[in-house]
């Protein structure tokens, strides 16, 4: 039985490319124009409202938007935010969205802040380019630039906004020394969290 107080996970099934280690469902964002994206979001919003009504959800205290890669939607993510904010049950104290560096933009981050997002989970995974290329991970040359951008919108030492930077261990050409170097570089941006995941 679903509690009247229930958290919400929203899956955005679009990616710019497909990482070899990822088992989550996604399709290529390149084959979806704005109209197709808006059609998807309309169906998603309808389904969210239907589930809330069906399970008589009275309060949504936390919301997590993952994927896939939510940041590939760009400013279109605002359509989802507007629909969520209109729900009487939607009042999350923690509102998280995932993003990847290659699709992170100032407009996306502005839309997230306007939409009430207070936690950004940025998928850096590793700075080590041979490891990134081995698993078809994009955006290696943009990491420092996009981390700086993310830190501007989700600055260190702010209680109301937090930045989480994901790392993955066990990638090809990856070892303890590289993982420690990755952590050291990320600490330079002072994120609130550094989740470590293994691809094994």
N, C-alpha and C. Protein backbone atom coordinates (compact mmCIF):
# COMPACT_ATOMS: atom_id res chain seq x y z
N UNK A 1 0.84 -1.20 0.00
CA UNK A 1 0.00 0.00 0.00
C UNK A 1 0.88 1.25 0.00
N UNK A 2 0.57 2.18 -0.89
CA UNK A 2 1.33 3.42 -0.99
C UNK A 2 0.92 4.37 0.13
N UNK A 3 1.94 4.97 0.77
CA UNK A 3 1.66 5.95 1.83
C UNK A 3 1.16 7.25 1.21
N UNK A 4 0.27 8.00 1.90
CA UNK A 4 -0.14 9.32 1.41
C UNK A 4 1.05 10.26 1.25
N UNK A 5 2.15 9.95 1.96
CA UNK A 5 3.37 10.74 1.86
C UNK A 5 4.39 9.89 1.09
N UNK A 6 4.58 10.18 -0.18
CA UNK A 6 5.36 9.32 -1.06
C UNK A 6 6.32 10.12 -1.92
N UNK A 7 7.57 9.67 -2.00
CA UNK A 7 8.56 10.35 -2.82
C UNK A 7 8.41 9.96 -4.29
N UNK A 8 8.97 10.78 -5.16
CA UNK A 8 8.76 10.62 -6.59
C UNK A 8 10.09 10.47 -7.32
N UNK A 9 10.19 9.40 -8.13
CA UNK A 9 11.33 9.25 -9.04
C UNK A 9 10.81 9.37 -10.46
N UNK A 10 11.45 10.20 -11.26
CA UNK A 10 11.06 10.41 -12.65
C UNK A 10 12.24 10.01 -13.54
N UNK A 11 11.97 9.11 -14.48
CA UNK A 11 13.03 8.63 -15.38
C UNK A 11 12.91 9.35 -16.72
N UNK A 12 13.99 10.01 -17.12
CA UNK A 12 14.06 10.66 -18.43
C UNK A 12 14.90 9.75 -19.35
N UNK A 13 14.28 9.07 -20.31
CA UNK A 13 14.97 8.01 -21.04
C UNK A 13 15.72 8.46 -22.28
N UNK A 14 16.43 9.58 -22.19
CA UNK A 14 17.16 10.08 -23.35
C UNK A 14 18.63 10.27 -23.00
N UNK A 15 19.50 9.92 -23.94
CA UNK A 15 20.94 10.12 -23.77
C UNK A 15 21.55 10.60 -25.08
N UNK A 16 22.62 11.39 -24.98
CA UNK A 16 23.34 11.82 -26.18
C UNK A 16 24.14 10.67 -26.77
N UNK A 17 24.62 9.78 -25.90
CA UNK A 17 25.34 8.57 -26.33
C UNK A 17 25.14 7.52 -25.24
N UNK A 18 25.56 6.31 -25.51
CA UNK A 18 25.31 5.21 -24.59
C UNK A 18 26.61 4.69 -23.99
N UNK A 19 26.74 4.80 -22.67
CA UNK A 19 27.93 4.30 -21.97
C UNK A 19 27.84 2.78 -21.85
N UNK A 20 28.96 2.11 -22.07
CA UNK A 20 28.96 0.65 -22.12
C UNK A 20 28.56 -0.01 -20.81
N UNK A 21 28.80 0.65 -19.69
CA UNK A 21 28.56 0.03 -18.38
C UNK A 21 27.14 0.25 -17.86
N UNK A 22 26.34 1.05 -18.56
CA UNK A 22 25.03 1.45 -18.04
C UNK A 22 23.94 0.50 -18.49
N UNK A 23 23.11 0.04 -17.53
CA UNK A 23 22.00 -0.86 -17.83
C UNK A 23 20.64 -0.16 -17.81
N UNK A 24 20.62 1.15 -17.55
CA UNK A 24 19.34 1.86 -17.50
C UNK A 24 18.80 2.06 -18.92
N UNK A 25 17.48 2.00 -19.04
CA UNK A 25 16.85 2.17 -20.35
C UNK A 25 17.01 3.60 -20.84
N UNK A 26 17.42 3.74 -22.10
CA UNK A 26 17.47 5.07 -22.73
C UNK A 26 17.47 4.92 -24.24
N UNK A 27 17.07 5.98 -24.91
CA UNK A 27 17.10 6.04 -26.37
C UNK A 27 17.89 7.28 -26.76
N UNK A 28 18.28 7.35 -28.03
CA UNK A 28 19.09 8.46 -28.49
C UNK A 28 18.28 9.75 -28.54
N UNK A 29 18.79 10.77 -27.87
CA UNK A 29 18.11 12.08 -27.89
C UNK A 29 18.21 12.71 -29.27
N UNK A 30 19.17 12.28 -30.06
CA UNK A 30 19.37 12.88 -31.39
C UNK A 30 18.20 12.61 -32.33
N UNK A 31 17.43 11.56 -32.07
CA UNK A 31 16.31 11.22 -32.94
C UNK A 31 15.00 11.89 -32.49
N UNK A 32 15.09 12.75 -31.46
CA UNK A 32 13.90 13.42 -30.92
C UNK A 32 14.04 14.93 -31.06
N UNK A 33 13.15 15.54 -31.86
CA UNK A 33 13.14 16.99 -31.94
C UNK A 33 12.30 17.56 -30.80
N UNK A 34 12.17 18.89 -30.76
CA UNK A 34 11.44 19.55 -29.68
C UNK A 34 10.00 19.06 -29.56
N UNK A 35 9.35 18.87 -30.70
CA UNK A 35 7.95 18.45 -30.67
C UNK A 35 7.80 17.05 -30.06
N UNK A 36 8.71 16.14 -30.43
CA UNK A 36 8.66 14.78 -29.87
C UNK A 36 8.96 14.80 -28.37
N UNK A 37 9.90 15.65 -27.98
CA UNK A 37 10.23 15.78 -26.56
C UNK A 37 9.01 16.30 -25.79
N UNK A 38 8.34 17.29 -26.34
CA UNK A 38 7.16 17.86 -25.68
C UNK A 38 6.03 16.84 -25.61
N UNK A 39 5.90 16.00 -26.64
CA UNK A 39 4.89 14.94 -26.61
C UNK A 39 5.19 13.94 -25.51
N UNK A 40 6.49 13.58 -25.38
CA UNK A 40 6.90 12.68 -24.29
C UNK A 40 6.59 13.30 -22.93
N UNK A 41 6.96 14.56 -22.76
CA UNK A 41 6.74 15.22 -21.47
C UNK A 41 5.26 15.31 -21.13
N UNK A 42 4.43 15.57 -22.13
CA UNK A 42 2.98 15.63 -21.92
C UNK A 42 2.46 14.28 -21.42
N UNK A 43 2.93 13.18 -22.05
CA UNK A 43 2.50 11.84 -21.62
C UNK A 43 3.03 11.53 -20.22
N UNK A 44 4.25 11.94 -19.95
CA UNK A 44 4.85 11.71 -18.63
C UNK A 44 4.06 12.44 -17.54
N UNK A 45 3.72 13.69 -17.80
CA UNK A 45 2.97 14.48 -16.82
C UNK A 45 1.60 13.87 -16.57
N UNK A 46 0.95 13.42 -17.64
CA UNK A 46 -0.36 12.77 -17.50
C UNK A 46 -0.25 11.53 -16.62
N UNK A 47 0.82 10.76 -16.83
CA UNK A 47 1.02 9.53 -16.04
C UNK A 47 1.29 9.86 -14.58
N UNK A 48 2.11 10.87 -14.31
CA UNK A 48 2.39 11.27 -12.93
C UNK A 48 1.10 11.65 -12.21
N UNK A 49 0.29 12.47 -12.86
CA UNK A 49 -0.98 12.88 -12.26
C UNK A 49 -1.89 11.69 -12.00
N UNK A 50 -1.91 10.76 -12.95
CA UNK A 50 -2.74 9.56 -12.81
C UNK A 50 -2.30 8.72 -11.62
N UNK A 51 -0.99 8.54 -11.47
CA UNK A 51 -0.46 7.73 -10.36
C UNK A 51 -0.74 8.40 -9.01
N UNK A 52 -0.59 9.71 -8.96
CA UNK A 52 -0.86 10.44 -7.72
C UNK A 52 -2.33 10.27 -7.32
N UNK A 53 -3.23 10.39 -8.31
CA UNK A 53 -4.65 10.23 -8.03
C UNK A 53 -4.98 8.79 -7.63
N UNK A 54 -4.42 7.84 -8.36
CA UNK A 54 -4.73 6.42 -8.12
C UNK A 54 -4.33 5.99 -6.71
N UNK A 55 -3.14 6.45 -6.29
CA UNK A 55 -2.63 6.05 -4.98
C UNK A 55 -2.95 7.06 -3.87
N UNK A 56 -3.75 8.06 -4.20
CA UNK A 56 -4.18 9.07 -3.22
C UNK A 56 -2.99 9.69 -2.49
N UNK A 57 -1.98 10.08 -3.24
CA UNK A 57 -0.79 10.70 -2.67
C UNK A 57 -1.12 12.12 -2.24
N UNK A 58 -0.85 12.42 -0.99
CA UNK A 58 -1.17 13.74 -0.44
C UNK A 58 0.05 14.65 -0.33
N UNK A 59 1.24 14.04 -0.27
CA UNK A 59 2.45 14.85 -0.11
C UNK A 59 3.63 14.15 -0.76
N UNK A 60 4.43 14.92 -1.54
CA UNK A 60 5.65 14.41 -2.16
C UNK A 60 6.82 15.18 -1.53
N UNK A 61 7.48 14.58 -0.52
CA UNK A 61 8.52 15.31 0.22
C UNK A 61 9.87 15.35 -0.49
N UNK A 62 10.14 14.39 -1.37
CA UNK A 62 11.38 14.40 -2.14
C UNK A 62 11.09 13.98 -3.58
N UNK A 63 11.89 14.53 -4.50
CA UNK A 63 11.74 14.19 -5.92
C UNK A 63 13.13 14.03 -6.52
N UNK A 64 13.30 12.98 -7.32
CA UNK A 64 14.58 12.72 -7.99
C UNK A 64 14.30 12.50 -9.47
N UNK A 65 14.92 13.30 -10.31
CA UNK A 65 14.79 13.15 -11.76
C UNK A 65 16.10 12.58 -12.29
N UNK A 66 16.04 11.34 -12.77
CA UNK A 66 17.24 10.67 -13.27
C UNK A 66 17.04 10.14 -14.68
N UNK A 67 17.90 9.23 -15.07
CA UNK A 67 17.78 8.72 -16.43
C UNK A 67 18.76 7.61 -16.71
N UNK A 68 19.08 7.49 -18.02
CA UNK A 68 19.05 8.55 -19.00
C UNK A 68 19.84 9.77 -18.58
N UNK A 69 19.59 10.85 -19.31
CA UNK A 69 20.29 12.10 -19.05
C UNK A 69 19.31 13.26 -19.11
N UNK A 70 18.74 13.66 -17.97
CA UNK A 70 17.76 14.76 -17.98
C UNK A 70 18.27 16.04 -18.62
N UNK A 71 19.58 16.30 -18.52
CA UNK A 71 20.11 17.57 -19.04
C UNK A 71 20.05 17.67 -20.56
N UNK A 72 19.85 16.54 -21.28
CA UNK A 72 19.73 16.64 -22.74
C UNK A 72 18.43 17.33 -23.15
N UNK A 73 17.48 17.46 -22.23
CA UNK A 73 16.23 18.14 -22.54
C UNK A 73 16.41 19.66 -22.58
N UNK A 74 17.51 20.18 -22.04
CA UNK A 74 17.74 21.61 -22.06
C UNK A 74 16.61 22.37 -21.38
N UNK A 75 16.20 23.49 -22.00
CA UNK A 75 15.16 24.33 -21.39
C UNK A 75 13.80 23.64 -21.37
N UNK A 76 13.62 22.59 -22.19
CA UNK A 76 12.33 21.87 -22.20
C UNK A 76 12.01 21.22 -20.86
N UNK A 77 13.02 21.04 -20.02
CA UNK A 77 12.77 20.46 -18.69
C UNK A 77 11.83 21.37 -17.90
N UNK A 78 11.77 22.64 -18.27
CA UNK A 78 10.88 23.58 -17.59
C UNK A 78 9.41 23.21 -17.72
N UNK A 79 9.04 22.51 -18.80
CA UNK A 79 7.66 22.05 -18.98
C UNK A 79 7.29 21.11 -17.84
N UNK A 80 8.22 20.21 -17.50
CA UNK A 80 7.99 19.27 -16.41
C UNK A 80 7.95 19.99 -15.07
N UNK A 81 8.87 20.93 -14.85
CA UNK A 81 8.88 21.67 -13.59
C UNK A 81 7.57 22.42 -13.36
N UNK A 82 7.07 23.07 -14.41
CA UNK A 82 5.83 23.84 -14.27
C UNK A 82 4.67 22.92 -13.89
N UNK A 83 4.62 21.74 -14.50
CA UNK A 83 3.54 20.79 -14.20
C UNK A 83 3.66 20.27 -12.76
N UNK A 84 4.88 20.00 -12.31
CA UNK A 84 5.08 19.51 -10.95
C UNK A 84 4.68 20.55 -9.91
N UNK A 85 5.09 21.80 -10.15
CA UNK A 85 4.78 22.87 -9.20
C UNK A 85 3.28 23.11 -9.08
N UNK A 86 2.53 22.74 -10.12
CA UNK A 86 1.08 22.94 -10.10
C UNK A 86 0.35 21.85 -9.32
N UNK A 87 1.07 20.79 -8.94
CA UNK A 87 0.44 19.71 -8.18
C UNK A 87 0.32 20.10 -6.70
N UNK A 88 -0.86 20.00 -6.11
CA UNK A 88 -1.04 20.36 -4.69
C UNK A 88 -0.17 19.52 -3.76
N UNK A 89 0.14 18.28 -4.18
CA UNK A 89 0.91 17.37 -3.32
C UNK A 89 2.42 17.58 -3.43
N UNK A 90 2.87 18.42 -4.37
CA UNK A 90 4.30 18.55 -4.66
C UNK A 90 4.92 19.66 -3.81
N UNK A 91 5.66 19.24 -2.77
CA UNK A 91 6.34 20.21 -1.91
C UNK A 91 7.64 19.62 -1.39
N UNK A 92 8.56 19.24 -2.31
CA UNK A 92 9.76 18.52 -1.87
C UNK A 92 10.77 19.41 -1.14
N UNK A 93 11.29 18.89 -0.04
CA UNK A 93 12.38 19.58 0.65
C UNK A 93 13.70 19.26 -0.04
N UNK A 94 13.75 18.11 -0.74
CA UNK A 94 14.92 17.77 -1.54
C UNK A 94 14.46 17.44 -2.96
N UNK A 95 14.95 18.22 -3.91
CA UNK A 95 14.56 18.09 -5.31
C UNK A 95 15.83 17.96 -6.13
N UNK A 96 16.12 16.74 -6.59
CA UNK A 96 17.38 16.42 -7.25
C UNK A 96 17.18 16.16 -8.73
N UNK A 97 18.15 16.59 -9.54
CA UNK A 97 18.15 16.24 -10.96
C UNK A 97 19.56 15.83 -11.37
N UNK A 98 19.63 14.83 -12.25
CA UNK A 98 20.91 14.37 -12.78
C UNK A 98 21.27 15.17 -14.05
N UNK A 99 22.56 15.31 -14.27
CA UNK A 99 23.05 15.96 -15.48
C UNK A 99 24.40 15.36 -15.85
N UNK A 100 24.72 15.42 -17.14
CA UNK A 100 26.04 15.03 -17.61
C UNK A 100 26.76 16.27 -18.13
N UNK A 101 28.07 16.33 -17.96
CA UNK A 101 28.81 17.55 -18.35
C UNK A 101 28.61 17.96 -19.80
N UNK A 102 28.56 16.99 -20.73
CA UNK A 102 28.50 17.35 -22.15
C UNK A 102 27.19 18.04 -22.54
N UNK A 103 26.13 17.83 -21.76
CA UNK A 103 24.85 18.47 -22.08
C UNK A 103 24.45 19.53 -21.06
N UNK A 104 25.33 19.84 -20.14
CA UNK A 104 25.03 20.85 -19.12
C UNK A 104 25.19 22.24 -19.72
N UNK A 105 24.18 23.08 -19.54
CA UNK A 105 24.23 24.44 -20.08
C UNK A 105 23.74 25.43 -19.04
N UNK A 106 24.07 26.68 -19.27
CA UNK A 106 23.61 27.74 -18.36
C UNK A 106 22.08 27.82 -18.36
N UNK A 107 21.47 27.67 -19.54
CA UNK A 107 20.01 27.75 -19.64
C UNK A 107 19.36 26.60 -18.88
N UNK A 108 19.91 25.39 -18.98
CA UNK A 108 19.37 24.26 -18.24
C UNK A 108 19.44 24.52 -16.75
N UNK A 109 20.57 25.02 -16.27
CA UNK A 109 20.75 25.27 -14.84
C UNK A 109 19.83 26.39 -14.36
N UNK A 110 19.67 27.43 -15.17
CA UNK A 110 18.74 28.51 -14.81
C UNK A 110 17.32 27.97 -14.67
N UNK A 111 16.93 27.09 -15.61
CA UNK A 111 15.60 26.51 -15.58
C UNK A 111 15.42 25.62 -14.35
N UNK A 112 16.48 24.91 -13.98
CA UNK A 112 16.42 24.07 -12.78
C UNK A 112 16.22 24.90 -11.52
N UNK A 113 16.96 25.98 -11.39
CA UNK A 113 16.83 26.85 -10.22
C UNK A 113 15.43 27.45 -10.16
N UNK A 114 14.93 27.93 -11.32
CA UNK A 114 13.58 28.49 -11.38
C UNK A 114 12.53 27.43 -11.04
N UNK A 115 12.82 26.16 -11.37
CA UNK A 115 11.88 25.07 -11.12
C UNK A 115 11.91 24.54 -9.70
N UNK A 116 12.84 25.04 -8.88
CA UNK A 116 12.90 24.63 -7.48
C UNK A 116 13.89 23.53 -7.17
N UNK A 117 14.70 23.12 -8.16
CA UNK A 117 15.71 22.09 -7.90
C UNK A 117 16.73 22.63 -6.91
N UNK A 118 17.05 21.83 -5.89
CA UNK A 118 18.06 22.28 -4.92
C UNK A 118 19.24 21.33 -4.79
N UNK A 119 19.26 20.30 -5.67
CA UNK A 119 20.42 19.41 -5.66
C UNK A 119 20.71 18.94 -7.09
N UNK A 120 21.92 19.17 -7.53
CA UNK A 120 22.38 18.73 -8.85
C UNK A 120 23.32 17.55 -8.68
N UNK A 121 23.03 16.46 -9.39
CA UNK A 121 23.91 15.29 -9.39
C UNK A 121 24.59 15.21 -10.74
N UNK A 122 25.87 15.55 -10.76
CA UNK A 122 26.62 15.67 -12.02
C UNK A 122 27.48 14.42 -12.25
N UNK A 123 27.26 13.77 -13.39
CA UNK A 123 27.96 12.51 -13.69
C UNK A 123 29.30 12.72 -14.34
N UNK A 124 30.31 13.02 -13.56
CA UNK A 124 31.67 13.16 -14.09
C UNK A 124 32.26 11.78 -14.39
N UNK A 125 32.12 10.85 -13.46
CA UNK A 125 32.59 9.45 -13.54
C UNK A 125 34.10 9.31 -13.45
N UNK A 126 34.85 9.97 -14.32
CA UNK A 126 36.31 9.99 -14.21
C UNK A 126 36.87 11.09 -15.12
N UNK A 127 38.02 11.63 -14.73
CA UNK A 127 38.73 12.58 -15.59
C UNK A 127 39.68 11.86 -16.55
N UNK A 128 39.91 10.58 -16.31
CA UNK A 128 40.91 9.83 -17.06
C UNK A 128 40.39 9.50 -18.45
N UNK A 129 40.93 10.19 -19.47
CA UNK A 129 40.37 10.10 -20.82
C UNK A 129 40.42 8.69 -21.42
N UNK A 130 41.50 7.90 -21.25
CA UNK A 130 41.46 6.54 -21.78
C UNK A 130 40.32 5.70 -21.21
N UNK A 131 40.01 5.90 -19.92
CA UNK A 131 38.90 5.17 -19.31
C UNK A 131 37.57 5.64 -19.88
N UNK A 132 37.42 6.95 -20.08
CA UNK A 132 36.18 7.50 -20.63
C UNK A 132 35.94 6.98 -22.05
N UNK A 133 36.97 7.03 -22.87
CA UNK A 133 36.83 6.59 -24.25
C UNK A 133 36.53 5.09 -24.34
N UNK A 134 37.09 4.32 -23.42
CA UNK A 134 36.90 2.86 -23.44
C UNK A 134 35.45 2.46 -23.20
N UNK A 135 34.68 3.32 -22.51
CA UNK A 135 33.28 2.99 -22.23
C UNK A 135 32.32 3.94 -22.96
N UNK A 136 32.85 4.66 -23.97
CA UNK A 136 32.03 5.55 -24.80
C UNK A 136 31.43 6.71 -24.00
N UNK A 137 32.21 7.23 -23.07
CA UNK A 137 31.75 8.36 -22.25
C UNK A 137 32.19 9.67 -22.89
N UNK A 138 31.27 10.59 -23.13
CA UNK A 138 31.58 11.85 -23.79
C UNK A 138 31.94 12.94 -22.80
N UNK A 139 32.38 14.06 -23.34
CA UNK A 139 32.51 15.29 -22.56
C UNK A 139 33.79 15.47 -21.78
N UNK A 140 34.82 14.66 -22.03
CA UNK A 140 36.04 14.74 -21.23
C UNK A 140 36.72 16.09 -21.27
N UNK A 141 36.71 16.74 -22.43
CA UNK A 141 37.39 18.03 -22.56
C UNK A 141 36.61 19.17 -21.90
N UNK A 142 35.37 18.90 -21.53
CA UNK A 142 34.51 19.95 -20.97
C UNK A 142 34.41 19.89 -19.44
N UNK A 143 35.06 18.91 -18.82
CA UNK A 143 34.80 18.65 -17.40
C UNK A 143 35.07 19.84 -16.50
N UNK A 144 36.25 20.44 -16.62
CA UNK A 144 36.57 21.58 -15.75
C UNK A 144 35.61 22.74 -15.97
N UNK A 145 35.34 23.03 -17.25
CA UNK A 145 34.44 24.15 -17.58
C UNK A 145 33.04 23.92 -17.01
N UNK A 146 32.51 22.69 -17.16
CA UNK A 146 31.15 22.42 -16.72
C UNK A 146 31.06 22.27 -15.20
N UNK A 147 32.11 21.80 -14.57
CA UNK A 147 32.13 21.76 -13.11
C UNK A 147 32.14 23.19 -12.54
N UNK A 148 32.88 24.07 -13.19
CA UNK A 148 32.89 25.47 -12.77
C UNK A 148 31.51 26.08 -12.92
N UNK A 149 30.84 25.76 -14.04
CA UNK A 149 29.48 26.26 -14.28
C UNK A 149 28.51 25.72 -13.23
N UNK A 150 28.58 24.43 -12.96
CA UNK A 150 27.70 23.81 -11.95
C UNK A 150 27.93 24.44 -10.58
N UNK A 151 29.18 24.70 -10.24
CA UNK A 151 29.52 25.30 -8.94
C UNK A 151 28.99 26.72 -8.81
N UNK A 152 28.84 27.40 -9.93
CA UNK A 152 28.29 28.76 -9.90
C UNK A 152 26.81 28.75 -9.52
N UNK A 153 26.08 27.77 -10.01
CA UNK A 153 24.65 27.69 -9.71
C UNK A 153 24.37 26.94 -8.40
N UNK A 154 25.27 26.02 -8.06
CA UNK A 154 25.13 25.25 -6.82
C UNK A 154 26.43 25.42 -6.02
N UNK A 155 26.63 26.62 -5.47
CA UNK A 155 27.91 26.95 -4.85
C UNK A 155 28.17 26.20 -3.55
N UNK A 156 29.46 26.08 -3.18
CA UNK A 156 29.81 25.40 -1.93
C UNK A 156 29.24 26.11 -0.71
N UNK A 157 29.04 25.33 0.34
CA UNK A 157 28.66 25.86 1.66
C UNK A 157 27.32 26.60 1.65
N UNK A 158 26.41 26.15 0.80
CA UNK A 158 25.05 26.69 0.84
C UNK A 158 24.10 25.59 1.26
N UNK A 159 23.37 25.83 2.32
CA UNK A 159 22.48 24.80 2.85
C UNK A 159 21.31 24.51 1.93
N UNK A 160 20.88 25.53 1.17
CA UNK A 160 19.68 25.35 0.35
C UNK A 160 19.97 24.81 -1.05
N UNK A 161 21.26 24.68 -1.43
CA UNK A 161 21.62 24.13 -2.74
C UNK A 161 22.87 23.27 -2.56
N UNK A 162 22.82 22.05 -3.14
CA UNK A 162 23.98 21.17 -3.01
C UNK A 162 24.35 20.58 -4.36
N UNK A 163 25.65 20.36 -4.53
CA UNK A 163 26.20 19.75 -5.73
C UNK A 163 26.79 18.40 -5.37
N UNK A 164 26.34 17.38 -6.10
CA UNK A 164 26.86 16.03 -5.93
C UNK A 164 27.58 15.64 -7.22
N UNK A 165 28.81 15.14 -7.11
CA UNK A 165 29.59 14.78 -8.30
C UNK A 165 29.90 13.29 -8.26
N UNK A 166 29.35 12.55 -9.22
CA UNK A 166 29.50 11.09 -9.24
C UNK A 166 30.83 10.66 -9.84
N UNK A 167 31.42 9.64 -9.23
CA UNK A 167 32.60 8.97 -9.77
C UNK A 167 32.31 7.49 -9.93
N UNK A 168 32.92 6.88 -10.95
CA UNK A 168 32.79 5.44 -11.16
C UNK A 168 34.17 4.81 -11.09
N UNK A 169 34.29 3.73 -10.34
CA UNK A 169 35.55 2.99 -10.25
C UNK A 169 35.42 1.69 -11.04
N UNK A 170 36.56 1.04 -11.29
CA UNK A 170 36.54 -0.24 -11.98
C UNK A 170 36.41 -0.13 -13.49
N UNK A 171 36.59 1.07 -14.03
CA UNK A 171 36.55 1.25 -15.47
C UNK A 171 37.83 0.72 -16.10
N UNK A 172 37.84 0.43 -17.39
CA UNK A 172 39.09 0.04 -18.05
C UNK A 172 40.17 1.09 -17.86
N UNK A 173 41.40 0.65 -17.68
CA UNK A 173 42.57 1.52 -17.50
C UNK A 173 42.50 2.33 -16.21
N UNK A 174 41.62 1.92 -15.30
CA UNK A 174 41.40 2.63 -14.04
C UNK A 174 42.13 1.90 -12.93
N UNK A 175 42.72 2.64 -11.99
CA UNK A 175 43.37 2.01 -10.84
C UNK A 175 43.23 2.94 -9.63
N UNK A 176 43.77 2.51 -8.51
CA UNK A 176 43.63 3.27 -7.27
C UNK A 176 44.22 4.67 -7.40
N UNK A 177 45.36 4.79 -8.06
CA UNK A 177 46.00 6.10 -8.22
C UNK A 177 45.11 7.05 -9.00
N UNK A 178 44.49 6.57 -10.07
CA UNK A 178 43.62 7.41 -10.90
C UNK A 178 42.38 7.83 -10.11
N UNK A 179 41.80 6.90 -9.35
CA UNK A 179 40.62 7.23 -8.54
C UNK A 179 40.95 8.33 -7.53
N UNK A 180 42.11 8.21 -6.87
CA UNK A 180 42.51 9.22 -5.90
C UNK A 180 42.76 10.57 -6.57
N UNK A 181 43.32 10.55 -7.78
CA UNK A 181 43.52 11.80 -8.53
C UNK A 181 42.17 12.43 -8.90
N UNK A 182 41.23 11.58 -9.30
CA UNK A 182 39.88 12.08 -9.61
C UNK A 182 39.25 12.76 -8.40
N UNK A 183 39.35 12.11 -7.25
CA UNK A 183 38.77 12.67 -6.02
C UNK A 183 39.43 14.01 -5.70
N UNK A 184 40.74 14.06 -5.82
CA UNK A 184 41.48 15.29 -5.51
C UNK A 184 41.03 16.44 -6.42
N UNK A 185 40.87 16.15 -7.72
CA UNK A 185 40.44 17.20 -8.65
C UNK A 185 39.02 17.67 -8.33
N UNK A 186 38.15 16.75 -8.01
CA UNK A 186 36.77 17.12 -7.71
C UNK A 186 36.68 17.93 -6.42
N UNK A 187 37.51 17.59 -5.43
CA UNK A 187 37.51 18.33 -4.17
C UNK A 187 37.83 19.81 -4.39
N UNK A 188 38.53 20.12 -5.48
CA UNK A 188 38.84 21.50 -5.80
C UNK A 188 37.61 22.33 -6.10
N UNK A 189 36.51 21.66 -6.43
CA UNK A 189 35.25 22.35 -6.70
C UNK A 189 34.31 22.33 -5.48
N UNK A 190 34.76 21.72 -4.40
CA UNK A 190 34.06 21.70 -3.11
C UNK A 190 32.60 21.26 -3.21
N UNK A 191 32.34 20.09 -3.84
CA UNK A 191 30.95 19.62 -3.86
C UNK A 191 30.52 19.13 -2.48
N UNK A 192 29.21 19.01 -2.28
CA UNK A 192 28.70 18.52 -1.00
C UNK A 192 28.86 17.02 -0.87
N UNK A 193 28.79 16.29 -2.01
CA UNK A 193 28.88 14.83 -1.99
C UNK A 193 29.71 14.35 -3.17
N UNK A 194 30.42 13.25 -2.97
CA UNK A 194 31.12 12.57 -4.06
C UNK A 194 30.75 11.08 -3.99
N UNK A 195 29.62 10.69 -4.55
CA UNK A 195 29.25 9.25 -4.54
C UNK A 195 30.21 8.45 -5.41
N UNK A 196 30.69 7.33 -4.88
CA UNK A 196 31.57 6.43 -5.62
C UNK A 196 30.78 5.17 -5.98
N UNK A 197 30.78 4.81 -7.25
CA UNK A 197 30.10 3.60 -7.70
C UNK A 197 31.08 2.75 -8.47
N UNK A 198 30.88 1.45 -8.42
CA UNK A 198 31.72 0.53 -9.18
C UNK A 198 30.94 0.04 -10.38
N UNK A 199 31.61 -0.06 -11.53
CA UNK A 199 30.93 -0.56 -12.73
C UNK A 199 30.94 -2.08 -12.78
N UNK A 200 31.54 -2.74 -11.76
CA UNK A 200 31.54 -4.21 -11.72
C UNK A 200 30.35 -4.71 -10.91
